[in-house]
């Protein structure tokens, strides 16, 4: 059973709650802000959840959570991830992949692990595994966020060019250019017929001015 480690960051509308029995205010941040500071009066605005999930089997288990402000300290989060991975290894559970969204805080964590993905550099998507130097720990962006990024890129009229290896050697594609135009034509075709090829594809889906959650 090979799990992945996932990290989710969600916002909270009313984080503080006082309790007379304890004489304290619940809802303070438990992780320093991005600059490393942890002000005693700083209330949490987000929750940071760490989960384990299966890669080849469908299961998911929350293993830790923290309260954060509008930002979090990347080094602290990196250390938490390593602690979780080592705790899993101690019970013979191997973590092979770390999955996060592409928020700025998570990208900072990636950089600390040596993960580099940029327009002008060769992608580096793995690092030596903290429990076994002979293995690699992979980093993957959450698929829904990848799809959002792709849609945003294409609907703004930008194009994606695939490498020759992908186009000819592996998939025998007619060309290497990806654009929104064929999808727009499909929307136009479907708008004039009752027998639709893509019934869930709507005009707003290819409109860059409309944000889809």
Protein backbone atom coordinates (compact mmCIF):
# COMPACT_ATOMS: atom_id res chain seq x y z
CA UNK A 1 0.00 0.00 0.00
CA UNK A 2 1.70 3.19 -1.20
CA UNK A 3 0.21 6.45 0.08
CA UNK A 4 0.57 10.05 -0.91
CA UNK A 5 0.79 12.96 1.52
CA UNK A 6 -1.64 15.80 0.82
CA UNK A 7 -1.79 19.29 2.29
CA UNK A 8 -4.91 21.48 2.11
CA UNK A 9 -5.22 25.14 3.14
CA UNK A 10 -8.74 26.50 3.77
CA UNK A 11 -10.07 29.82 5.08
CA UNK A 12 -12.07 30.42 8.27
CA UNK A 13 -14.61 33.24 8.64
CA UNK A 14 -14.79 33.39 12.47
CA UNK A 15 -11.65 31.86 13.97
CA UNK A 16 -11.74 33.17 17.54
CA UNK A 17 -13.78 31.67 20.36
CA UNK A 18 -13.44 32.46 24.05
CA UNK A 19 -13.98 29.93 26.82
CA UNK A 20 -14.63 30.89 30.46
CA UNK A 21 -13.62 27.47 31.78
CA UNK A 22 -10.12 27.67 30.31
CA UNK A 23 -9.82 31.45 30.57
CA UNK A 24 -8.27 31.63 27.12
CA UNK A 25 -9.17 32.51 23.54
CA UNK A 26 -9.20 29.59 21.12
CA UNK A 27 -8.17 30.27 17.54
CA UNK A 28 -4.59 31.52 17.82
CA UNK A 29 -2.15 30.57 15.07
CA UNK A 30 -0.09 27.44 15.67
CA UNK A 31 2.41 28.02 12.85
CA UNK A 32 4.54 31.18 12.42
CA UNK A 33 3.76 33.62 9.64
CA UNK A 34 5.82 33.70 6.45
CA UNK A 35 8.48 35.91 8.08
CA UNK A 36 8.94 33.43 10.94
CA UNK A 37 7.15 35.58 13.53
CA UNK A 38 4.39 34.19 15.75
CA UNK A 39 2.65 37.18 17.42
CA UNK A 40 0.76 36.14 20.58
CA UNK A 41 -2.31 38.16 19.53
CA UNK A 42 -2.42 36.81 15.96
CA UNK A 43 -5.69 34.94 15.35
CA UNK A 44 -5.96 32.22 12.75
CA UNK A 45 -7.67 32.90 9.43
CA UNK A 46 -6.95 29.56 7.75
CA UNK A 47 -6.72 25.89 8.59
CA UNK A 48 -3.87 23.74 7.30
CA UNK A 49 -4.77 20.05 7.03
CA UNK A 50 -2.33 17.18 6.41
CA UNK A 51 -3.78 13.97 4.99
CA UNK A 52 -2.57 10.59 3.79
CA UNK A 53 -4.25 8.98 0.78
CA UNK A 54 -3.83 5.99 -1.46
CA UNK A 55 -2.30 6.18 -4.93
CA UNK A 56 -3.56 2.87 -6.32
CA UNK A 57 -6.36 2.41 -3.77
CA UNK A 58 -9.10 4.85 -2.74
CA UNK A 59 -8.65 5.91 0.89
CA UNK A 60 -7.84 9.08 2.82
CA UNK A 61 -6.95 9.80 6.44
CA UNK A 62 -6.37 13.14 8.16
CA UNK A 63 -3.24 12.92 10.32
CA UNK A 64 -2.60 16.51 11.44
CA UNK A 65 -3.89 20.05 11.26
CA UNK A 66 -2.68 23.53 12.18
CA UNK A 67 -4.17 27.01 12.39
CA UNK A 68 -2.43 29.72 10.36
CA UNK A 69 -2.72 33.39 9.55
CA UNK A 70 -2.91 34.73 6.00
CA UNK A 71 0.54 33.20 5.43
CA UNK A 72 2.66 30.45 6.94
CA UNK A 73 6.35 29.76 7.54
CA UNK A 74 7.55 27.45 4.76
CA UNK A 75 10.42 25.92 6.77
CA UNK A 76 8.06 24.96 9.61
CA UNK A 77 5.65 23.28 7.18
CA UNK A 78 8.53 21.46 5.49
CA UNK A 79 9.63 20.09 8.87
CA UNK A 80 6.06 18.93 9.62
CA UNK A 81 5.89 17.07 6.31
CA UNK A 82 9.17 15.29 7.06
CA UNK A 83 7.96 14.33 10.56
CA UNK A 84 4.78 12.84 9.06
CA UNK A 85 6.71 10.90 6.41
CA UNK A 86 9.10 9.48 9.03
CA UNK A 87 6.22 8.57 11.35
CA UNK A 88 4.62 6.67 8.47
CA UNK A 89 7.88 4.87 7.73
CA UNK A 90 8.07 3.78 11.38
CA UNK A 91 4.86 1.77 10.88
CA UNK A 92 6.00 0.48 7.46
CA UNK A 93 3.86 2.89 5.47
CA UNK A 94 5.84 4.35 2.55
CA UNK A 95 5.02 7.87 1.35
CA UNK A 96 6.09 8.42 -2.26
CA UNK A 97 4.32 11.64 -3.27
CA UNK A 98 3.51 15.03 -1.73
CA UNK A 99 0.44 16.73 -3.24
CA UNK A 100 -0.43 20.42 -2.70
CA UNK A 101 -2.13 23.24 -4.55
CA UNK A 102 -0.06 25.93 -6.25
CA UNK A 103 -0.50 28.70 -3.69
CA UNK A 104 2.46 30.93 -2.92
CA UNK A 105 3.06 29.35 0.48
CA UNK A 106 3.15 25.85 -0.97
CA UNK A 107 5.52 26.93 -3.74
CA UNK A 108 7.86 28.24 -1.04
CA UNK A 109 7.75 24.80 0.62
CA UNK A 110 8.55 23.17 -2.73
CA UNK A 111 11.61 25.38 -3.17
CA UNK A 112 12.93 24.33 0.24
CA UNK A 113 12.72 20.71 -0.92
CA UNK A 114 14.68 21.68 -4.05
CA UNK A 115 11.67 21.46 -6.38
CA UNK A 116 12.05 23.81 -9.36
CA UNK A 117 9.44 24.37 -12.08
CA UNK A 118 9.85 27.43 -14.28
CA UNK A 119 9.56 28.74 -17.80
CA UNK A 120 13.31 29.05 -18.32
CA UNK A 121 14.59 26.06 -16.33
CA UNK A 122 14.44 22.30 -16.54
CA UNK A 123 11.72 21.00 -14.20
CA UNK A 124 12.91 19.21 -11.06
CA UNK A 125 9.93 17.48 -9.47
CA UNK A 126 11.52 15.19 -6.90
CA UNK A 127 14.10 15.20 -4.13
CA UNK A 128 15.96 12.52 -2.13
CA UNK A 129 13.53 10.72 0.17
CA UNK A 130 14.02 11.71 3.84
CA UNK A 131 13.80 8.04 4.91
CA UNK A 132 15.75 6.35 2.11
CA UNK A 133 18.43 8.02 -0.01
CA UNK A 134 17.92 5.42 -2.74
CA UNK A 135 14.34 6.62 -3.31
CA UNK A 136 12.89 9.87 -4.61
CA UNK A 137 10.08 11.86 -2.99
CA UNK A 138 7.84 13.22 -5.75
CA UNK A 139 5.91 16.50 -5.67
CA UNK A 140 2.67 16.90 -7.63
CA UNK A 141 0.26 19.81 -7.90
CA UNK A 142 -3.38 19.08 -7.08
CA UNK A 143 -5.13 18.20 -10.37
CA UNK A 144 -8.07 20.67 -10.03
CA UNK A 145 -5.60 23.54 -9.63
CA UNK A 146 -3.62 22.36 -12.65
CA UNK A 147 -6.81 22.32 -14.73
CA UNK A 148 -7.68 25.84 -13.54
CA UNK A 149 -4.23 27.07 -14.56
CA UNK A 150 -4.50 25.42 -17.98
CA UNK A 151 -7.96 26.89 -18.59
CA UNK A 152 -6.81 30.36 -17.52
CA UNK A 153 -3.78 30.14 -19.80
CA UNK A 154 -5.72 28.97 -22.87
CA UNK A 155 -8.78 31.22 -22.52
CA UNK A 156 -6.49 34.27 -22.47
CA UNK A 157 -5.45 33.37 -26.01
CA UNK A 158 -2.12 31.89 -25.03
CA UNK A 159 -0.79 28.70 -26.52
CA UNK A 160 1.07 25.63 -25.31
CA UNK A 161 3.76 23.97 -27.43
CA UNK A 162 4.51 20.31 -26.80
CA UNK A 163 8.04 18.92 -27.19
CA UNK A 164 8.86 16.80 -30.24
CA UNK A 165 9.22 13.67 -28.12
CA UNK A 166 5.60 13.93 -26.96
CA UNK A 167 4.20 14.89 -30.39
CA UNK A 168 5.83 12.36 -32.71
CA UNK A 169 7.65 9.67 -30.76
CA UNK A 170 5.01 8.87 -28.14
CA UNK A 171 1.63 9.97 -29.48
CA UNK A 172 1.99 10.61 -33.23
CA UNK A 173 0.07 13.89 -33.02
CA UNK A 174 -0.50 16.04 -36.13
CA UNK A 175 1.06 19.18 -34.58
CA UNK A 176 2.63 20.49 -31.41
CA UNK A 177 0.40 23.54 -30.80
CA UNK A 178 -2.42 23.58 -28.22
CA UNK A 179 -4.90 26.48 -28.28
CA UNK A 180 -8.48 27.26 -27.24
CA UNK A 181 -9.71 27.68 -30.83
CA UNK A 182 -10.78 24.04 -31.51
CA UNK A 183 -12.72 24.04 -28.23
CA UNK A 184 -14.46 27.31 -29.16
CA UNK A 185 -15.46 25.76 -32.48
CA UNK A 186 -16.87 22.76 -30.63
CA UNK A 187 -18.99 25.08 -28.45
CA UNK A 188 -20.25 26.82 -31.58
CA UNK A 189 -21.16 23.52 -33.24
CA UNK A 190 -23.00 22.27 -30.16
CA UNK A 191 -24.98 25.52 -29.90
CA UNK A 192 -26.63 24.76 -33.26
CA UNK A 193 -27.66 21.15 -32.65
CA UNK A 194 -29.65 19.13 -30.14
CA UNK A 195 -27.29 16.16 -30.38
CA UNK A 196 -24.30 17.68 -28.59
CA UNK A 197 -20.79 16.26 -28.62
CA UNK A 198 -19.94 17.93 -25.30
CA UNK A 199 -23.22 18.81 -23.50
CA UNK A 200 -21.48 20.07 -20.36
CA UNK A 201 -19.22 22.45 -22.28
CA UNK A 202 -20.80 25.93 -22.20
CA UNK A 203 -19.81 29.27 -23.80
CA UNK A 204 -18.71 30.65 -20.42
CA UNK A 205 -16.27 27.73 -20.13
CA UNK A 206 -14.08 29.28 -22.83
CA UNK A 207 -14.50 32.89 -21.64
CA UNK A 208 -11.44 34.27 -19.86
CA UNK A 209 -13.54 36.94 -18.12
CA UNK A 210 -15.49 34.33 -16.12
CA UNK A 211 -13.87 32.61 -13.15
CA UNK A 212 -14.96 28.99 -12.62
CA UNK A 213 -14.44 27.47 -9.17
